[in-house]
Amino acid sequence: ETGAMYRALALKAIENDYDFDDEAPLMALAAQTRITLEPQVDG
């Protein structure tokens, strides 16, 4: 579920009070973020 990657990054942006409209800081945040998807039977 690739949309989970956007959700996870958005969650980190929320937790760190980032502006969703400013792309450059979000790119920098992504560079410091580790998102892992572990497929399970139900998702």
PDB file of all heavy atoms in Angstrom:
ATOM      1  N   GLU A   1       0.853  -1.196   0.000  1.00  0.00           N
ATOM      2  CA  GLU A   1       0.000   0.000   0.000  1.00  0.00           C
ATOM      3  C   GLU A   1       0.886   1.243   0.000  1.00  0.00           C
ATOM      4  O   GLU A   1       1.311   1.737   1.038  1.00  0.00           O
ATOM      5  CB  GLU A   1      -0.900  -0.013   1.229  1.00  0.00           C
ATOM      6  CG  GLU A   1      -1.856   1.156   1.301  1.00  0.00           C
ATOM      7  CD  GLU A   1      -2.492   1.257   2.659  1.00  0.00           C
ATOM      8  OE1 GLU A   1      -2.137   0.469   3.550  1.00  0.00           O
ATOM      9  OE2 GLU A   1      -3.331   2.155   2.839  1.00  0.00           O
ATOM     10  N   THR A   2       1.163   1.753  -1.182  1.00  0.00           N
ATOM     11  CA  THR A   2       2.121   2.850  -1.298  1.00  0.00           C
ATOM     12  C   THR A   2       1.619   4.148  -0.677  1.00  0.00           C
ATOM     13  O   THR A   2       2.416   4.988  -0.272  1.00  0.00           O
ATOM     14  CB  THR A   2       2.474   3.085  -2.776  1.00  0.00           C
ATOM     15  OG1 THR A   2       1.262   3.317  -3.513  1.00  0.00           O
ATOM     16  CG2 THR A   2       3.169   1.867  -3.356  1.00  0.00           C
ATOM     17  N   GLY A   3       0.300   4.315  -0.602  1.00  0.00           N
ATOM     18  CA  GLY A   3      -0.232   5.526   0.026  1.00  0.00           C
ATOM     19  C   GLY A   3       0.182   5.651   1.479  1.00  0.00           C
ATOM     20  O   GLY A   3       0.227   6.759   2.031  1.00  0.00           O
ATOM     21  N   ALA A   4       0.498   4.519   2.105  1.00  0.00           N
ATOM     22  CA  ALA A   4       0.951   4.551   3.499  1.00  0.00           C
ATOM     23  C   ALA A   4       2.244   5.319   3.641  1.00  0.00           C
ATOM     24  O   ALA A   4       2.540   5.874   4.711  1.00  0.00           O
ATOM     25  CB  ALA A   4       1.123   3.126   4.020  1.00  0.00           C
ATOM     26  N   MET A   5       3.050   5.375   2.569  1.00  0.00           N
ATOM     27  CA  MET A   5       4.306   6.122   2.629  1.00  0.00           C
ATOM     28  C   MET A   5       4.030   7.615   2.773  1.00  0.00           C
ATOM     29  O   MET A   5       4.672   8.307   3.562  1.00  0.00           O
ATOM     30  CB  MET A   5       5.130   5.834   1.382  1.00  0.00           C
ATOM     31  CG  MET A   5       5.553   4.374   1.252  1.00  0.00           C
ATOM     32  SD  MET A   5       6.306   3.982  -0.349  1.00  0.00           S
ATOM     33  CE  MET A   5       7.821   4.949  -0.233  1.00  0.00           C
ATOM     34  N   TYR A   6       3.050   8.120   2.011  1.00  0.00           N
ATOM     35  CA  TYR A   6       2.686   9.533   2.126  1.00  0.00           C
ATOM     36  C   TYR A   6       2.090   9.821   3.505  1.00  0.00           C
ATOM     37  O   TYR A   6       2.363  10.859   4.110  1.00  0.00           O
ATOM     38  CB  TYR A   6       1.672   9.909   1.040  1.00  0.00           C
ATOM     39  CG  TYR A   6       2.259  10.002  -0.341  1.00  0.00           C
ATOM     40  CD1 TYR A   6       2.084   8.974  -1.261  1.00  0.00           C
ATOM     41  CD2 TYR A   6       2.986  11.117  -0.742  1.00  0.00           C
ATOM     42  CE1 TYR A   6       2.618   9.049  -2.534  1.00  0.00           C
ATOM     43  CE2 TYR A   6       3.518  11.209  -2.018  1.00  0.00           C
ATOM     44  CZ  TYR A   6       3.338  10.160  -2.918  1.00  0.00           C
ATOM     45  OH  TYR A   6       3.871  10.240  -4.175  1.00  0.00           O
ATOM     46  N   ARG A   7       1.276   8.900   3.987  1.00  0.00           N
ATOM     47  CA  ARG A   7       0.655   9.098   5.293  1.00  0.00           C
ATOM     48  C   ARG A   7       1.708   9.134   6.395  1.00  0.00           C
ATOM     49  O   ARG A   7       1.624   9.943   7.323  1.00  0.00           O
ATOM     50  CB  ARG A   7      -0.346   7.973   5.568  1.00  0.00           C
ATOM     51  CG  ARG A   7      -1.592   8.004   4.701  1.00  0.00           C
ATOM     52  CD  ARG A   7      -2.397   6.723   4.889  1.00  0.00           C
ATOM     53  NE  ARG A   7      -3.592   6.679   4.072  1.00  0.00           N
ATOM     54  CZ  ARG A   7      -4.808   6.983   4.511  1.00  0.00           C
ATOM     55  NH1 ARG A   7      -4.979   7.356   5.767  1.00  0.00           N
ATOM     56  NH2 ARG A   7      -5.849   6.916   3.714  1.00  0.00           N
ATOM     57  N   ALA A   8       2.697   8.243   6.303  1.00  0.00           N
ATOM     58  CA  ALA A   8       3.733   8.197   7.327  1.00  0.00           C
ATOM     59  C   ALA A   8       4.549   9.486   7.336  1.00  0.00           C
ATOM     60  O   ALA A   8       4.841  10.045   8.400  1.00  0.00           O
ATOM     61  CB  ALA A   8       4.639   6.988   7.104  1.00  0.00           C
ATOM     62  N   LEU A   9       4.908   9.969   6.158  1.00  0.00           N
ATOM     63  CA  LEU A   9       5.652  11.230   6.091  1.00  0.00           C
ATOM     64  C   LEU A   9       4.793  12.385   6.595  1.00  0.00           C
ATOM     65  O   LEU A   9       5.287  13.282   7.303  1.00  0.00           O
ATOM     66  CB  LEU A   9       6.114  11.501   4.663  1.00  0.00           C
ATOM     67  CG  LEU A   9       6.941  12.788   4.482  1.00  0.00           C
ATOM     68  CD1 LEU A   9       8.209  12.740   5.332  1.00  0.00           C
ATOM     69  CD2 LEU A   9       7.283  13.006   3.007  1.00  0.00           C
ATOM     70  N   ALA A  10       3.498  12.370   6.241  1.00  0.00           N
ATOM     71  CA  ALA A  10       2.594  13.419   6.723  1.00  0.00           C
ATOM     72  C   ALA A  10       2.495  13.397   8.240  1.00  0.00           C
ATOM     73  O   ALA A  10       2.455  14.453   8.882  1.00  0.00           O
ATOM     74  CB  ALA A  10       1.212  13.239   6.100  1.00  0.00           C
ATOM     75  N   LEU A  11       2.468  12.202   8.822  1.00  0.00           N
ATOM     76  CA  LEU A  11       2.417  12.092  10.276  1.00  0.00           C
ATOM     77  C   LEU A  11       3.650  12.709  10.907  1.00  0.00           C
ATOM     78  O   LEU A  11       3.555  13.443  11.902  1.00  0.00           O
ATOM     79  CB  LEU A  11       2.299  10.621  10.689  1.00  0.00           C
ATOM     80  CG  LEU A  11       2.390  10.339  12.187  1.00  0.00           C
ATOM     81  CD1 LEU A  11       1.319  11.084  12.966  1.00  0.00           C
ATOM     82  CD2 LEU A  11       2.299   8.829  12.453  1.00  0.00           C
ATOM     83  N   LYS A  12       4.806  12.451  10.328  1.00  0.00           N
ATOM     84  CA  LYS A  12       6.036  13.031  10.875  1.00  0.00           C
ATOM     85  C   LYS A  12       6.012  14.552  10.742  1.00  0.00           C
ATOM     86  O   LYS A  12       6.483  15.273  11.631  1.00  0.00           O
ATOM     87  CB  LYS A  12       7.260  12.457  10.179  1.00  0.00           C
ATOM     88  CG  LYS A  12       8.576  12.833  10.855  1.00  0.00           C
ATOM     89  CD  LYS A  12       9.717  11.987  10.370  1.00  0.00           C
ATOM     90  CE  LYS A  12      10.997  12.323  11.134  1.00  0.00           C
ATOM     91  NZ  LYS A  12      12.129  11.431  10.736  1.00  0.00           N
ATOM     92  N   ALA A  13       5.459  15.052   9.637  1.00  0.00           N
ATOM     93  CA  ALA A  13       5.334  16.497   9.450  1.00  0.00           C
ATOM     94  C   ALA A  13       4.411  17.101  10.508  1.00  0.00           C
ATOM     95  O   ALA A  13       4.680  18.187  11.048  1.00  0.00           O
ATOM     96  CB  ALA A  13       4.814  16.799   8.046  1.00  0.00           C
ATOM     97  N   ILE A  14       3.324  16.390  10.817  1.00  0.00           N
ATOM     98  CA  ILE A  14       2.408  16.857  11.864  1.00  0.00           C
ATOM     99  C   ILE A  14       3.121  16.912  13.207  1.00  0.00           C
ATOM    100  O   ILE A  14       3.037  17.901  13.941  1.00  0.00           O
ATOM    101  CB  ILE A  14       1.176  15.924  11.953  1.00  0.00           C
ATOM    102  CG1 ILE A  14       0.282  16.084  10.723  1.00  0.00           C
ATOM    103  CG2 ILE A  14       0.370  16.202  13.229  1.00  0.00           C
ATOM    104  CD1 ILE A  14      -0.845  15.071  10.646  1.00  0.00           C
ATOM    105  N   GLU A  15       3.821  15.837  13.526  1.00  0.00           N
ATOM    106  CA  GLU A  15       4.481  15.747  14.832  1.00  0.00           C
ATOM    107  C   GLU A  15       5.579  16.794  15.014  1.00  0.00           C
ATOM    108  O   GLU A  15       5.899  17.177  16.137  1.00  0.00           O
ATOM    109  CB  GLU A  15       5.062  14.340  15.009  1.00  0.00           C
ATOM    110  CG  GLU A  15       3.995  13.258  15.135  1.00  0.00           C
ATOM    111  CD  GLU A  15       4.586  11.866  15.215  1.00  0.00           C
ATOM    112  OE1 GLU A  15       5.749  11.690  14.774  1.00  0.00           O
ATOM    113  OE2 GLU A  15       3.889  10.948  15.699  1.00  0.00           O
ATOM    114  N   ASN A  16       6.149  17.250  13.889  1.00  0.00           N
ATOM    115  CA  ASN A  16       7.218  18.240  13.956  1.00  0.00           C
ATOM    116  C   ASN A  16       6.765  19.630  13.534  1.00  0.00           C
ATOM    117  O   ASN A  16       7.587  20.525  13.340  1.00  0.00           O
ATOM    118  CB  ASN A  16       8.397  17.788  13.093  1.00  0.00           C
ATOM    119  CG  ASN A  16       9.112  16.592  13.674  1.00  0.00           C
ATOM    120  OD1 ASN A  16       9.999  16.728  14.510  1.00  0.00           O
ATOM    121  ND2 ASN A  16       8.723  15.389  13.245  1.00  0.00           N
ATOM    122  N   ASP A  17       5.434  19.798  13.396  1.00  0.00           N
ATOM    123  CA  ASP A  17       4.832  21.106  13.111  1.00  0.00           C
ATOM    124  C   ASP A  17       5.366  21.726  11.817  1.00  0.00           C
ATOM    125  O   ASP A  17       5.728  22.892  11.772  1.00  0.00           O
ATOM    126  CB  ASP A  17       5.058  22.054  14.292  1.00  0.00           C
ATOM    127  CG  ASP A  17       4.092  23.241  14.258  1.00  0.00           C
ATOM    128  OD1 ASP A  17       3.004  23.093  13.673  1.00  0.00           O
ATOM    129  OD2 ASP A  17       4.435  24.311  14.809  1.00  0.00           O
ATOM    130  N   TYR A  18       5.436  20.916  10.758  1.00  0.00           N
ATOM    131  CA  TYR A  18       5.877  21.413   9.457  1.00  0.00           C
ATOM    132  C   TYR A  18       4.706  22.009   8.684  1.00  0.00           C
ATOM    133  O   TYR A  18       3.562  21.595   8.850  1.00  0.00           O
ATOM    134  CB  TYR A  18       6.493  20.282   8.638  1.00  0.00           C
ATOM    135  CG  TYR A  18       7.960  20.057   8.889  1.00  0.00           C
ATOM    136  CD1 TYR A  18       8.430  19.690  10.146  1.00  0.00           C
ATOM    137  CD2 TYR A  18       8.904  20.210   7.866  1.00  0.00           C
ATOM    138  CE1 TYR A  18       9.778  19.484  10.378  1.00  0.00           C
ATOM    139  CE2 TYR A  18      10.252  19.999   8.090  1.00  0.00           C
ATOM    140  CZ  TYR A  18      10.683  19.631   9.348  1.00  0.00           C
ATOM    141  OH  TYR A  18      12.011  19.422   9.578  1.00  0.00           O
ATOM    142  N   ASP A  19       5.024  22.959   7.807  1.00  0.00           N
ATOM    143  CA  ASP A  19       4.033  23.561   6.928  1.00  0.00           C
ATOM    144  C   ASP A  19       3.850  22.647   5.710  1.00  0.00           C
ATOM    145  O   ASP A  19       4.806  22.391   4.971  1.00  0.00           O
ATOM    146  CB  ASP A  19       4.515  24.947   6.474  1.00  0.00           C
ATOM    147  CG  ASP A  19       3.493  25.680   5.633  1.00  0.00           C
ATOM    148  OD1 ASP A  19       2.485  25.058   5.217  1.00  0.00           O
ATOM    149  OD2 ASP A  19       3.687  26.885   5.374  1.00  0.00           O
ATOM    150  N   PHE A  20       2.636  22.159   5.493  1.00  0.00           N
ATOM    151  CA  PHE A  20       2.387  21.240   4.386  1.00  0.00           C
ATOM    152  C   PHE A  20       2.558  21.906   3.020  1.00  0.00           C
ATOM    153  O   PHE A  20       2.711  21.215   2.013  1.00  0.00           O
ATOM    154  CB  PHE A  20       0.973  20.663   4.475  1.00  0.00           C
ATOM    155  CG  PHE A  20       0.670  19.991   5.784  1.00  0.00           C
ATOM    156  CD1 PHE A  20      -0.539  20.212   6.427  1.00  0.00           C
ATOM    157  CD2 PHE A  20       1.594  19.158   6.385  1.00  0.00           C
ATOM    158  CE1 PHE A  20      -0.816  19.600   7.638  1.00  0.00           C
ATOM    159  CE2 PHE A  20       1.324  18.535   7.592  1.00  0.00           C
ATOM    160  CZ  PHE A  20       0.117  18.767   8.223  1.00  0.00           C
ATOM    161  N   ASP A  21       2.506  23.232   2.976  1.00  0.00           N
ATOM    162  CA  ASP A  21       2.590  23.944   1.703  1.00  0.00           C
ATOM    163  C   ASP A  21       4.017  24.248   1.272  1.00  0.00           C
ATOM    164  O   ASP A  21       4.238  24.728   0.160  1.00  0.00           O
ATOM    165  CB  ASP A  21       1.809  25.269   1.783  1.00  0.00           C
ATOM    166  CG  ASP A  21       0.319  25.050   2.004  1.00  0.00           C
ATOM    167  OD1 ASP A  21      -0.196  24.037   1.477  1.00  0.00           O
ATOM    168  OD2 ASP A  21      -0.311  25.865   2.692  1.00  0.00           O
ATOM    169  N   ASP A  22       4.996  23.988   2.127  1.00  0.00           N
ATOM    170  CA  ASP A  22       6.392  24.328   1.838  1.00  0.00           C
ATOM    171  C   ASP A  22       7.150  23.055   1.501  1.00  0.00           C
ATOM    172  O   ASP A  22       7.463  22.248   2.382  1.00  0.00           O
ATOM    173  CB  ASP A  22       7.009  25.036   3.052  1.00  0.00           C
ATOM    174  CG  ASP A  22       8.286  25.778   2.693  1.00  0.00           C
ATOM    175  OD1 ASP A  22       8.838  25.514   1.604  1.00  0.00           O
ATOM    176  OD2 ASP A  22       8.732  26.616   3.493  1.00  0.00           O
ATOM    177  N   GLU A  23       7.475  22.865   0.228  1.00  0.00           N
ATOM    178  CA  GLU A  23       8.037  21.592  -0.214  1.00  0.00           C
ATOM    179  C   GLU A  23       9.469  21.347   0.257  1.00  0.00           C
ATOM    180  O   GLU A  23       9.814  20.227   0.661  1.00  0.00           O
ATOM    181  CB  GLU A  23       7.993  21.486  -1.742  1.00  0.00           C
ATOM    182  CG  GLU A  23       8.488  20.143  -2.259  1.00  0.00           C
ATOM    183  CD  GLU A  23       8.375  20.017  -3.765  1.00  0.00           C
ATOM    184  OE1 GLU A  23       8.457  21.059  -4.452  1.00  0.00           O
ATOM    185  OE2 GLU A  23       8.230  18.890  -4.257  1.00  0.00           O
ATOM    186  N   ALA A  24      10.313  22.369   0.230  1.00  0.00           N
ATOM    187  CA  ALA A  24      11.736  22.163   0.546  1.00  0.00           C
ATOM    188  C   ALA A  24      11.957  21.556   1.941  1.00  0.00           C
ATOM    189  O   ALA A  24      12.703  20.579   2.079  1.00  0.00           O
ATOM    190  CB  ALA A  24      12.501  23.474   0.393  1.00  0.00           C
ATOM    191  N   PRO A  25      11.320  22.084   2.991  1.00  0.00           N
ATOM    192  CA  PRO A  25      11.497  21.453   4.307  1.00  0.00           C
ATOM    193  C   PRO A  25      10.956  20.022   4.358  1.00  0.00           C
ATOM    194  O   PRO A  25      11.528  19.171   5.040  1.00  0.00           O
ATOM    195  CB  PRO A  25      10.701  22.373   5.244  1.00  0.00           C
ATOM    196  CG  PRO A  25      10.645  23.678   4.549  1.00  0.00           C
ATOM    197  CD  PRO A  25      10.549  23.337   3.097  1.00  0.00           C
ATOM    198  N   LEU A  26       9.884  19.761   3.612  1.00  0.00           N
ATOM    199  CA  LEU A  26       9.344  18.403   3.579  1.00  0.00           C
ATOM    200  C   LEU A  26      10.322  17.441   2.916  1.00  0.00           C
ATOM    201  O   LEU A  26      10.477  16.294   3.342  1.00  0.00           O
ATOM    202  CB  LEU A  26       8.007  18.385   2.838  1.00  0.00           C
ATOM    203  CG  LEU A  26       6.835  19.078   3.541  1.00  0.00           C
ATOM    204  CD1 LEU A  26       5.632  19.158   2.607  1.00  0.00           C
ATOM    205  CD2 LEU A  26       6.461  18.337   4.822  1.00  0.00           C
ATOM    206  N   MET A  27      11.017  17.915   1.876  1.00  0.00           N
ATOM    207  CA  MET A  27      12.036  17.088   1.234  1.00  0.00           C
ATOM    208  C   MET A  27      13.166  16.783   2.207  1.00  0.00           C
ATOM    209  O   MET A  27      13.658  15.650   2.285  1.00  0.00           O
ATOM    210  CB  MET A  27      12.580  17.813   0.001  1.00  0.00           C
ATOM    211  CG  MET A  27      11.592  17.968  -1.133  1.00  0.00           C
ATOM    212  SD  MET A  27      11.271  16.430  -2.033  1.00  0.00           S
ATOM    213  CE  MET A  27      12.812  16.239  -2.911  1.00  0.00           C
ATOM    214  N   ALA A  28      13.562  17.804   2.962  1.00  0.00           N
ATOM    215  CA  ALA A  28      14.623  17.605   3.953  1.00  0.00           C
ATOM    216  C   ALA A  28      14.164  16.627   5.040  1.00  0.00           C
ATOM    217  O   ALA A  28      14.940  15.787   5.512  1.00  0.00           O
ATOM    218  CB  ALA A  28      15.025  18.948   4.556  1.00  0.00           C
ATOM    219  N   LEU A  29      12.898  16.746   5.425  1.00  0.00           N
ATOM    220  CA  LEU A  29      12.348  15.834   6.437  1.00  0.00           C
ATOM    221  C   LEU A  29      12.356  14.400   5.911  1.00  0.00           C
ATOM    222  O   LEU A  29      12.707  13.464   6.636  1.00  0.00           O
ATOM    223  CB  LEU A  29      10.921  16.257   6.797  1.00  0.00           C
ATOM    224  CG  LEU A  29      10.231  15.446   7.897  1.00  0.00           C
ATOM    225  CD1 LEU A  29      10.901  15.700   9.240  1.00  0.00           C
ATOM    226  CD2 LEU A  29       8.748  15.809   7.972  1.00  0.00           C
ATOM    227  N   ALA A  30      11.984  14.233   4.646  1.00  0.00           N
ATOM    228  CA  ALA A  30      11.957  12.898   4.057  1.00  0.00           C
ATOM    229  C   ALA A  30      13.341  12.259   4.064  1.00  0.00           C
ATOM    230  O   ALA A  30      13.480  11.052   4.281  1.00  0.00           O
ATOM    231  CB  ALA A  30      11.416  12.973   2.625  1.00  0.00           C
ATOM    232  N   ALA A  31      14.379  13.079   3.838  1.00  0.00           N
ATOM    233  CA  ALA A  31      15.744  12.561   3.812  1.00  0.00           C
ATOM    234  C   ALA A  31      16.168  12.006   5.167  1.00  0.00           C
ATOM    235  O   ALA A  31      17.074  11.170   5.242  1.00  0.00           O
ATOM    236  CB  ALA A  31      16.707  13.661   3.376  1.00  0.00           C
ATOM    237  N   GLN A  32      15.493  12.435   6.225  1.00  0.00           N
ATOM    238  CA  GLN A  32      15.838  11.995   7.581  1.00  0.00           C
ATOM    239  C   GLN A  32      14.813  10.985   8.116  1.00  0.00           C
ATOM    240  O   GLN A  32      14.768  10.727   9.316  1.00  0.00           O
ATOM    241  CB  GLN A  32      15.880  13.205   8.519  1.00  0.00           C
ATOM    242  CG  GLN A  32      16.825  14.303   8.061  1.00  0.00           C
ATOM    243  CD  GLN A  32      16.615  15.603   8.820  1.00  0.00           C
ATOM    244  OE1 GLN A  32      15.871  15.644   9.791  1.00  0.00           O
ATOM    245  NE2 GLN A  32      17.266  16.654   8.371  1.00  0.00           N
ATOM    246  N   THR A  33      14.016  10.444   7.223  1.00  0.00           N
ATOM    247  CA  THR A  33      12.905   9.583   7.636  1.00  0.00           C
ATOM    248  C   THR A  33      13.078   8.172   7.102  1.00  0.00           C
ATOM    249  O   THR A  33      13.472   7.981   5.948  1.00  0.00           O
ATOM    250  CB  THR A  33      11.568  10.165   7.125  1.00  0.00           C
ATOM    251  OG1 THR A  33      11.396  11.482   7.656  1.00  0.00           O
ATOM    252  CG2 THR A  33      10.392   9.300   7.555  1.00  0.00           C
ATOM    253  N   ARG A  34      12.767   7.205   7.919  1.00  0.00           N
ATOM    254  CA  ARG A  34      12.828   5.805   7.510  1.00  0.00           C
ATOM    255  C   ARG A  34      11.424   5.219   7.592  1.00  0.00           C
ATOM    256  O   ARG A  34      10.843   5.108   8.673  1.00  0.00           O
ATOM    257  CB  ARG A  34      13.794   5.028   8.404  1.00  0.00           C
ATOM    258  CG  ARG A  34      13.952   3.551   8.015  1.00  0.00           C
ATOM    259  CD  ARG A  34      15.183   2.954   8.684  1.00  0.00           C
ATOM    260  NE  ARG A  34      15.164   3.186  10.120  1.00  0.00           N
ATOM    261  CZ  ARG A  34      14.650   2.351  11.012  1.00  0.00           C
ATOM    262  NH1 ARG A  34      14.080   1.218  10.602  1.00  0.00           N
ATOM    263  NH2 ARG A  34      14.697   2.621  12.296  1.00  0.00           N
ATOM    264  N   ILE A  35      10.874   4.879   6.446  1.00  0.00           N
ATOM    265  CA  ILE A  35       9.533   4.295   6.362  1.00  0.00           C
ATOM    266  C   ILE A  35       9.655   2.873   5.837  1.00  0.00           C
ATOM    267  O   ILE A  35      10.249   2.635   4.788  1.00  0.00           O
ATOM    268  CB  ILE A  35       8.618   5.124   5.446  1.00  0.00           C
ATOM    269  CG1 ILE A  35       8.485   6.557   5.974  1.00  0.00           C
ATOM    270  CG2 ILE A  35       7.237   4.471   5.326  1.00  0.00           C
ATOM    271  CD1 ILE A  35       7.766   7.491   5.034  1.00  0.00           C
ATOM    272  N   THR A  36       9.089   1.934   6.580  1.00  0.00           N
ATOM    273  CA  THR A  36       9.161   0.532   6.206  1.00  0.00           C
ATOM    274  C   THR A  36       7.755  -0.041   6.091  1.00  0.00           C
ATOM    275  O   THR A  36       6.925   0.167   6.980  1.00  0.00           O
ATOM    276  CB  THR A  36       9.944  -0.287   7.254  1.00  0.00           C
ATOM    277  OG1 THR A  36      11.227   0.320   7.453  1.00  0.00           O
ATOM    278  CG2 THR A  36      10.127  -1.721   6.799  1.00  0.00           C
ATOM    279  N   LEU A  37       7.491  -0.735   4.991  1.00  0.00           N
ATOM    280  CA  LEU A  37       6.222  -1.432   4.805  1.00  0.00           C
ATOM    281  C   LEU A  37       6.474  -2.921   4.979  1.00  0.00           C
ATOM    282  O   LEU A  37       7.306  -3.497   4.281  1.00  0.00           O
ATOM    283  CB  LEU A  37       5.648  -1.171   3.410  1.00  0.00           C
ATOM    284  CG  LEU A  37       5.344   0.273   3.017  1.00  0.00           C
ATOM    285  CD1 LEU A  37       4.739   0.303   1.629  1.00  0.00           C
ATOM    286  CD2 LEU A  37       4.424   0.925   4.018  1.00  0.00           C
ATOM    287  N   GLU A  38       5.762  -3.523   5.904  1.00  0.00           N
ATOM    288  CA  GLU A  38       5.883  -4.963   6.135  1.00  0.00           C
ATOM    289  C   GLU A  38       4.561  -5.621   5.767  1.00  0.00           C
ATOM    290  O   GLU A  38       3.587  -5.541   6.520  1.00  0.00           O
ATOM    291  CB  GLU A  38       6.224  -5.242   7.601  1.00  0.00           C
ATOM    292  CG  GLU A  38       7.577  -4.692   8.029  1.00  0.00           C
ATOM    293  CD  GLU A  38       7.920  -5.040   9.459  1.00  0.00           C
ATOM    294  OE1 GLU A  38       7.009  -5.503  10.196  1.00  0.00           O
ATOM    295  OE2 GLU A  38       9.083  -4.848   9.859  1.00  0.00           O
ATOM    296  N   PRO A  39       4.494  -6.238   4.592  1.00  0.00           N
ATOM    297  CA  PRO A  39       3.223  -6.858   4.150  1.00  0.00           C
ATOM    298  C   PRO A  39       2.738  -7.908   5.136  1.00  0.00           C
ATOM    299  O   PRO A  39       3.510  -8.754   5.592  1.00  0.00           O
ATOM    300  CB  PRO A  39       3.598  -7.479   2.803  1.00  0.00           C
ATOM    301  CG  PRO A  39       4.798  -6.715   2.345  1.00  0.00           C
ATOM    302  CD  PRO A  39       5.555  -6.380   3.592  1.00  0.00           C
ATOM    303  N   GLN A  40       1.449  -7.832   5.469  1.00  0.00           N
ATOM    304  CA  GLN A  40       0.799  -8.793   6.350  1.00  0.00           C
ATOM    305  C   GLN A  40      -0.374  -9.416   5.599  1.00  0.00           C
ATOM    306  O   GLN A  40      -0.728  -8.977   4.502  1.00  0.00           O
ATOM    307  CB  GLN A  40       0.276  -8.091   7.618  1.00  0.00           C
ATOM    308  CG  GLN A  40       1.306  -7.241   8.339  1.00  0.00           C
ATOM    309  CD  GLN A  40       2.382  -8.051   9.012  1.00  0.00           C
ATOM    310  OE1 GLN A  40       2.092  -9.021   9.707  1.00  0.00           O
ATOM    311  NE2 GLN A  40       3.641  -7.662   8.820  1.00  0.00           N
ATOM    312  N   VAL A  41      -0.980 -10.410   6.187  1.00  0.00           N
ATOM    313  CA  VAL A  41      -2.107 -11.075   5.537  1.00  0.00           C
ATOM    314  C   VAL A  41      -3.245 -10.099   5.270  1.00  0.00           C
ATOM    315  O   VAL A  41      -3.892 -10.134   4.228  1.00  0.00           O
ATOM    316  CB  VAL A  41      -2.613 -12.251   6.412  1.00  0.00           C
ATOM    317  CG1 VAL A  41      -3.894 -12.842   5.834  1.00  0.00           C
ATOM    318  CG2 VAL A  41      -1.539 -13.322   6.517  1.00  0.00           C
ATOM    319  N   ASP A  42      -3.484  -9.181   6.206  1.00  0.00           N
ATOM    320  CA  ASP A  42      -4.628  -8.280   6.090  1.00  0.00           C
ATOM    321  C   ASP A  42      -4.219  -6.848   5.765  1.00  0.00           C
ATOM    322  O   ASP A  42      -4.960  -5.912   6.013  1.00  0.00           O
ATOM    323  CB  ASP A  42      -5.437  -8.283   7.390  1.00  0.00           C
ATOM    324  CG  ASP A  42      -4.581  -7.909   8.595  1.00  0.00           C
ATOM    325  OD1 ASP A  42      -3.345  -7.849   8.452  1.00  0.00           O
ATOM    326  OD2 ASP A  42      -5.156  -7.661   9.674  1.00  0.00           O
ATOM    327  N   GLY A  43      -3.043  -6.640   5.190  1.00  0.00           N
ATOM    328  CA  GLY A  43      -2.619  -5.298   4.826  1.00  0.00           C
ATOM    329  C   GLY A  43      -1.141  -5.106   5.064  1.00  0.00           C
ATOM    330  O   GLY A  43      -0.335  -6.011   4.845  1.00  0.00           O
TER     331      GLY A  43
END
